[in-house]
Amino acid sequence: MSKAEDALGKRIAVIPARGGSKRIPKKNIRLFHGKPIIQWVIEAAEAAGCFDSIVVSTDDPEVSAVARASGALVPFVRPAELSDDHTPTVPVIAHALKAMEQSGATYQSACCIYPTSVFVSSKMIFKGLSLLNAGGCNYVMSVIPYPHPIERALRLASNNTVKMDNPQHVATRSQDLQPSFHDAGQFYWGLSAAWISGAPILSGETKAVVLEHTDARDIDNEQDWQIAEQLFSLRANQTYAVKVTKP
């Protein structure tokens, strides 16, 4: 990290990890390859070497205990109104920043890292910070390219017949179509002012860190969990938490 980047102010990682999880009970602290899954995320954030604080935002005492044992701070309790299935990410991070400010800690930028992002790379976290510090955006998010052009998407009718969503591309070669991307659901850097003001992440003020297909995996159900464990095993020889050396 250069002196110019250091001058941009303090940075905080906020890991939102509520206690409720219907499809995978206690998902955020369930053991994944020998550790609570949230511990892998905390260790990746530590290895990035760019955070002044690593905080877990939770409403659950058990999650709090695991987070603290894993090296994170849990300086406040997330309120119930921000802990249900439908709470968006931005208000949760805004609450964390405001709670920290009340205790006397202010930050120029914050990185939200989801607690089950077990493949999160400290190198990619650091790359996101570099893009944010370069200016011209409020947020930086991780994205993954779709494996096949979405213009060639098919839809099944009620009678099981196939129909193209974009029939004008029926004869268009895949290589002639622009790649499309989707949210990797892994991390989001943002200026604190953007988080607190409620600025939407998906806007013209957001840059992207492009990940490989094997760099992220949504874990929403038991099958997802098993696939993630298998993928993790296949990548076992690769170091995820690569320590970034500051120049």
Protein backbone atom coordinates (compact mmCIF):
# COMPACT_ATOMS: atom_id res chain seq x y z
CA MET A 1 0.00 0.00 0.00
CA SER A 2 1.49 3.35 -1.02
CA LYS A 3 1.63 6.45 1.17
CA ALA A 4 -0.97 8.05 -1.12
CA GLU A 5 -3.34 5.16 -0.54
CA ASP A 6 -2.68 5.15 3.20
CA ALA A 7 -3.59 8.84 3.25
CA LEU A 8 -7.10 7.99 2.07
CA GLY A 9 -8.07 7.01 5.60
CA LYS A 10 -8.86 3.98 7.69
CA ARG A 11 -10.55 0.89 6.31
CA ILE A 12 -12.87 -1.63 7.94
CA ALA A 13 -14.02 -5.10 6.92
CA VAL A 14 -17.61 -5.84 7.92
CA ILE A 15 -18.74 -9.47 7.81
CA PRO A 16 -22.56 -9.66 8.12
CA ALA A 17 -23.38 -12.97 9.82
CA ARG A 18 -26.84 -13.20 11.33
CA GLY A 19 -27.83 -16.24 13.35
CA GLY A 20 -30.93 -17.34 11.46
CA SER A 21 -30.50 -19.72 8.53
CA LYS A 22 -33.42 -21.90 7.53
CA ARG A 23 -31.97 -24.11 4.81
CA ILE A 24 -28.59 -24.74 6.50
CA PRO A 25 -28.90 -24.37 10.29
CA LYS A 26 -26.06 -22.32 11.84
CA LYS A 27 -24.57 -21.98 8.36
CA ASN A 28 -22.23 -19.10 9.20
CA ILE A 29 -20.40 -21.07 11.91
CA ARG A 30 -20.75 -24.62 10.61
CA LEU A 31 -17.46 -26.48 10.28
CA PHE A 32 -16.02 -26.35 6.77
CA HIS A 33 -12.81 -28.35 6.29
CA GLY A 34 -12.07 -28.28 9.98
CA LYS A 35 -12.90 -24.64 10.77
CA PRO A 36 -16.07 -22.60 11.25
CA ILE A 37 -16.72 -21.32 7.74
CA ILE A 38 -16.64 -17.70 8.91
CA GLN A 39 -13.10 -18.24 10.20
CA TRP A 40 -11.82 -18.77 6.65
CA VAL A 41 -13.26 -15.38 5.72
CA ILE A 42 -11.80 -13.62 8.77
CA GLU A 43 -8.38 -15.10 8.04
CA ALA A 44 -8.53 -13.97 4.40
CA ALA A 45 -9.39 -10.44 5.53
CA GLU A 46 -6.47 -10.48 7.96
CA ALA A 47 -4.12 -11.76 5.27
CA ALA A 48 -5.08 -8.92 2.94
CA GLY A 49 -3.21 -6.60 5.30
CA CYS A 50 -5.31 -3.57 4.45
CA PHE A 51 -7.86 -3.34 7.26
CA ASP A 52 -7.63 -1.32 10.43
CA SER A 53 -10.54 -3.30 11.89
CA ILE A 54 -12.30 -6.57 11.05
CA VAL A 55 -15.81 -6.57 12.48
CA VAL A 56 -18.59 -9.16 12.46
CA SER A 57 -22.14 -7.79 12.46
CA THR A 58 -24.46 -10.33 14.06
CA ASP A 59 -27.52 -10.74 16.23
CA ASP A 60 -26.46 -14.15 17.53
CA PRO A 61 -24.36 -14.82 20.68
CA GLU A 62 -22.98 -18.09 19.27
CA VAL A 63 -21.81 -16.39 16.08
CA SER A 64 -20.28 -13.64 18.25
CA ALA A 65 -18.29 -16.17 20.26
CA VAL A 66 -16.96 -17.96 17.18
CA ALA A 67 -16.08 -14.65 15.49
CA ARG A 68 -14.13 -13.42 18.51
CA ALA A 69 -12.31 -16.75 18.83
CA SER A 70 -11.38 -16.41 15.14
CA GLY A 71 -9.82 -12.99 15.67
CA ALA A 72 -12.60 -10.60 14.67
CA LEU A 73 -14.21 -7.81 16.69
CA VAL A 74 -17.89 -7.93 17.65
CA PRO A 75 -18.34 -4.51 19.26
CA PHE A 76 -22.13 -4.23 18.84
CA VAL A 77 -25.26 -6.34 18.41
CA ARG A 78 -27.10 -6.07 15.12
CA PRO A 79 -30.73 -5.02 15.77
CA ALA A 80 -33.57 -7.41 14.99
CA GLU A 81 -34.99 -5.16 12.27
CA LEU A 82 -31.75 -5.65 10.30
CA SER A 83 -31.51 -9.40 10.88
CA ASP A 84 -34.31 -10.99 8.85
CA ASP A 85 -34.29 -12.80 5.52
CA HIS A 86 -35.18 -9.70 3.54
CA THR A 87 -32.71 -7.15 4.91
CA PRO A 88 -30.50 -5.77 2.12
CA THR A 89 -26.75 -5.46 2.50
CA VAL A 90 -26.35 -1.67 2.35
CA PRO A 91 -28.35 -0.86 5.54
CA VAL A 92 -26.43 -3.53 7.47
CA ILE A 93 -23.05 -2.03 6.55
CA ALA A 94 -24.36 1.49 7.17
CA HIS A 95 -25.48 0.42 10.65
CA ALA A 96 -22.03 -1.06 11.37
CA LEU A 97 -20.28 2.15 10.33
CA LYS A 98 -22.62 4.28 12.45
CA ALA A 99 -22.20 1.97 15.45
CA MET A 100 -18.42 2.17 15.16
CA GLU A 101 -18.59 5.96 14.82
CA GLN A 102 -20.53 6.15 18.09
CA SER A 103 -17.62 4.39 19.78
CA GLY A 104 -15.19 6.92 18.30
CA ALA A 105 -13.92 4.95 15.27
CA THR A 106 -14.43 6.39 11.78
CA TYR A 107 -13.44 4.88 8.44
CA GLN A 108 -12.98 6.24 4.94
CA SER A 109 -14.04 2.95 3.32
CA ALA A 110 -15.61 -0.36 4.24
CA CYS A 111 -15.52 -3.80 2.64
CA CYS A 112 -18.49 -6.09 3.13
CA ILE A 113 -17.40 -9.74 2.92
CA TYR A 114 -20.06 -12.42 3.10
CA PRO A 115 -19.42 -15.00 5.86
CA THR A 116 -19.66 -18.09 3.64
CA SER A 117 -17.33 -16.73 0.94
CA VAL A 118 -14.89 -19.51 1.71
CA PHE A 119 -13.01 -19.01 -1.57
CA VAL A 120 -12.46 -15.30 -1.02
CA SER A 121 -8.92 -14.30 -1.89
CA SER A 122 -6.93 -11.72 0.03
CA LYS A 123 -5.35 -10.81 -3.31
CA MET A 124 -8.75 -10.00 -4.82
CA ILE A 125 -9.79 -8.04 -1.72
CA PHE A 126 -6.65 -5.96 -2.10
CA LYS A 127 -7.30 -5.50 -5.83
CA GLY A 128 -10.78 -4.19 -5.02
CA LEU A 129 -9.30 -1.63 -2.64
CA SER A 130 -6.87 -0.48 -5.32
CA LEU A 131 -9.75 0.10 -7.75
CA LEU A 132 -11.71 2.04 -5.12
CA ASN A 133 -8.70 4.19 -4.27
CA ALA A 134 -8.17 4.96 -7.96
CA GLY A 135 -11.39 7.00 -7.80
CA GLY A 136 -14.33 7.38 -10.14
CA CYS A 137 -16.63 5.07 -8.22
CA ASN A 138 -18.54 4.63 -4.97
CA TYR A 139 -18.23 0.84 -4.84
CA VAL A 140 -16.18 -2.07 -6.17
CA MET A 141 -17.83 -5.49 -6.36
CA SER A 142 -16.72 -8.98 -7.33
CA VAL A 143 -18.28 -10.45 -10.47
CA ILE A 144 -18.08 -13.70 -12.46
CA PRO A 145 -18.68 -14.12 -16.20
CA TYR A 146 -21.61 -16.23 -17.27
CA PRO A 147 -20.26 -19.49 -18.75
CA HIS A 148 -22.46 -19.09 -21.84
CA PRO A 149 -23.82 -15.98 -23.58
CA ILE A 150 -27.12 -15.00 -21.97
CA GLU A 151 -28.42 -13.90 -25.38
CA ARG A 152 -28.63 -17.61 -26.23
CA ALA A 153 -30.76 -18.40 -23.17
CA LEU A 154 -33.64 -20.85 -23.57
CA ARG A 155 -36.96 -20.89 -21.76
CA LEU A 156 -39.34 -23.81 -21.32
CA ALA A 157 -43.05 -23.21 -21.91
CA SER A 158 -45.76 -24.89 -19.81
CA ASN A 159 -45.97 -27.72 -22.37
CA ASN A 160 -42.18 -28.27 -22.12
CA THR A 161 -41.43 -26.77 -25.53
CA VAL A 162 -38.22 -24.74 -25.92
CA LYS A 163 -38.24 -21.07 -26.78
CA MET A 164 -35.37 -18.60 -27.14
CA ASP A 165 -35.46 -15.48 -24.97
CA ASN A 166 -33.71 -13.57 -27.76
CA PRO A 167 -34.69 -15.24 -31.05
CA GLN A 168 -32.80 -12.58 -33.01
CA HIS A 169 -29.60 -14.32 -31.90
CA VAL A 170 -30.59 -17.81 -33.04
CA ALA A 171 -27.85 -17.75 -35.69
CA THR A 172 -25.33 -15.56 -33.83
CA ARG A 173 -22.10 -17.31 -32.93
CA SER A 174 -21.24 -17.34 -29.22
CA GLN A 175 -17.85 -15.77 -29.89
CA ASP A 176 -19.56 -12.79 -31.54
CA LEU A 177 -21.51 -11.87 -28.42
CA GLN A 178 -20.22 -9.68 -25.60
CA PRO A 179 -19.55 -11.50 -22.31
CA SER A 180 -22.04 -10.91 -19.50
CA PHE A 181 -21.34 -11.04 -15.77
CA HIS A 182 -23.22 -11.67 -12.55
CA ASP A 183 -22.63 -10.73 -8.93
CA ALA A 184 -20.18 -13.18 -7.34
CA GLY A 185 -21.80 -12.60 -3.93
CA GLN A 186 -18.39 -12.41 -2.30
CA PHE A 187 -17.22 -8.90 -1.38
CA TYR A 188 -18.15 -5.25 -1.91
CA TRP A 189 -15.82 -2.35 -1.23
CA GLY A 190 -17.46 1.03 -0.75
CA LEU A 191 -16.77 4.54 0.41
CA SER A 192 -18.24 5.00 3.87
CA ALA A 193 -20.22 8.00 2.65
CA ALA A 194 -21.86 5.81 -0.01
CA TRP A 195 -22.80 3.08 2.47
CA ILE A 196 -24.21 5.53 4.99
CA SER A 197 -26.18 7.51 2.40
CA GLY A 198 -27.79 4.29 1.13
CA ALA A 199 -26.36 4.61 -2.38
CA PRO A 200 -27.22 1.45 -4.37
CA ILE A 201 -24.35 -0.89 -5.24
CA LEU A 202 -25.66 -1.75 -8.70
CA SER A 203 -25.29 1.62 -10.33
CA GLY A 204 -23.08 3.46 -12.77
CA GLU A 205 -20.78 4.30 -9.85
CA THR A 206 -19.49 0.75 -9.31
CA LYS A 207 -16.37 -0.95 -10.68
CA ALA A 208 -15.74 -4.69 -10.85
CA VAL A 209 -13.11 -7.23 -9.87
CA VAL A 210 -13.57 -10.16 -12.26
CA LEU A 211 -13.17 -13.60 -10.66
CA GLU A 212 -12.70 -17.00 -12.24
CA HIS A 213 -15.59 -19.48 -12.15
CA THR A 214 -13.87 -21.50 -9.44
CA ASP A 215 -13.19 -18.44 -7.24
CA ALA A 216 -16.68 -18.23 -5.74
CA ARG A 217 -19.56 -20.54 -4.90
CA ASP A 218 -23.01 -19.69 -3.55
CA ILE A 219 -23.88 -21.88 -0.57
CA ASP A 220 -27.65 -21.84 -0.19
CA ASN A 221 -28.46 -25.47 0.53
CA GLU A 222 -26.87 -28.80 1.47
CA GLN A 223 -25.99 -29.67 -2.10
CA ASP A 224 -24.21 -26.34 -2.52
CA TRP A 225 -22.29 -27.01 0.69
CA GLN A 226 -21.15 -30.44 -0.49
CA ILE A 227 -20.07 -29.10 -3.87
CA ALA A 228 -18.14 -26.27 -2.19
CA GLU A 229 -16.32 -28.77 0.03
CA GLN A 230 -15.40 -30.88 -2.99
CA LEU A 231 -14.17 -27.83 -4.91
CA PHE A 232 -12.17 -26.72 -1.89
CA SER A 233 -10.50 -30.14 -1.76
CA LEU A 234 -9.60 -29.94 -5.44
CA ARG A 235 -7.97 -26.56 -4.83
CA ALA A 236 -6.27 -27.64 -1.60
CA ASN A 237 -2.80 -27.10 -3.02
CA GLN A 238 -3.54 -23.45 -3.73
CA THR A 239 -3.12 -20.88 -0.93
CA TYR A 240 -6.26 -18.77 -0.59
CA ALA A 241 -5.08 -16.34 2.07
CA VAL A 242 -2.05 -14.96 0.26
CA LYS A 243 -0.34 -12.34 2.38
CA VAL A 244 -0.07 -9.10 0.40
CA THR A 245 3.23 -7.36 1.01
CA LYS A 246 3.02 -3.60 1.17
CA PRO A 247 5.64 -1.85 -0.97
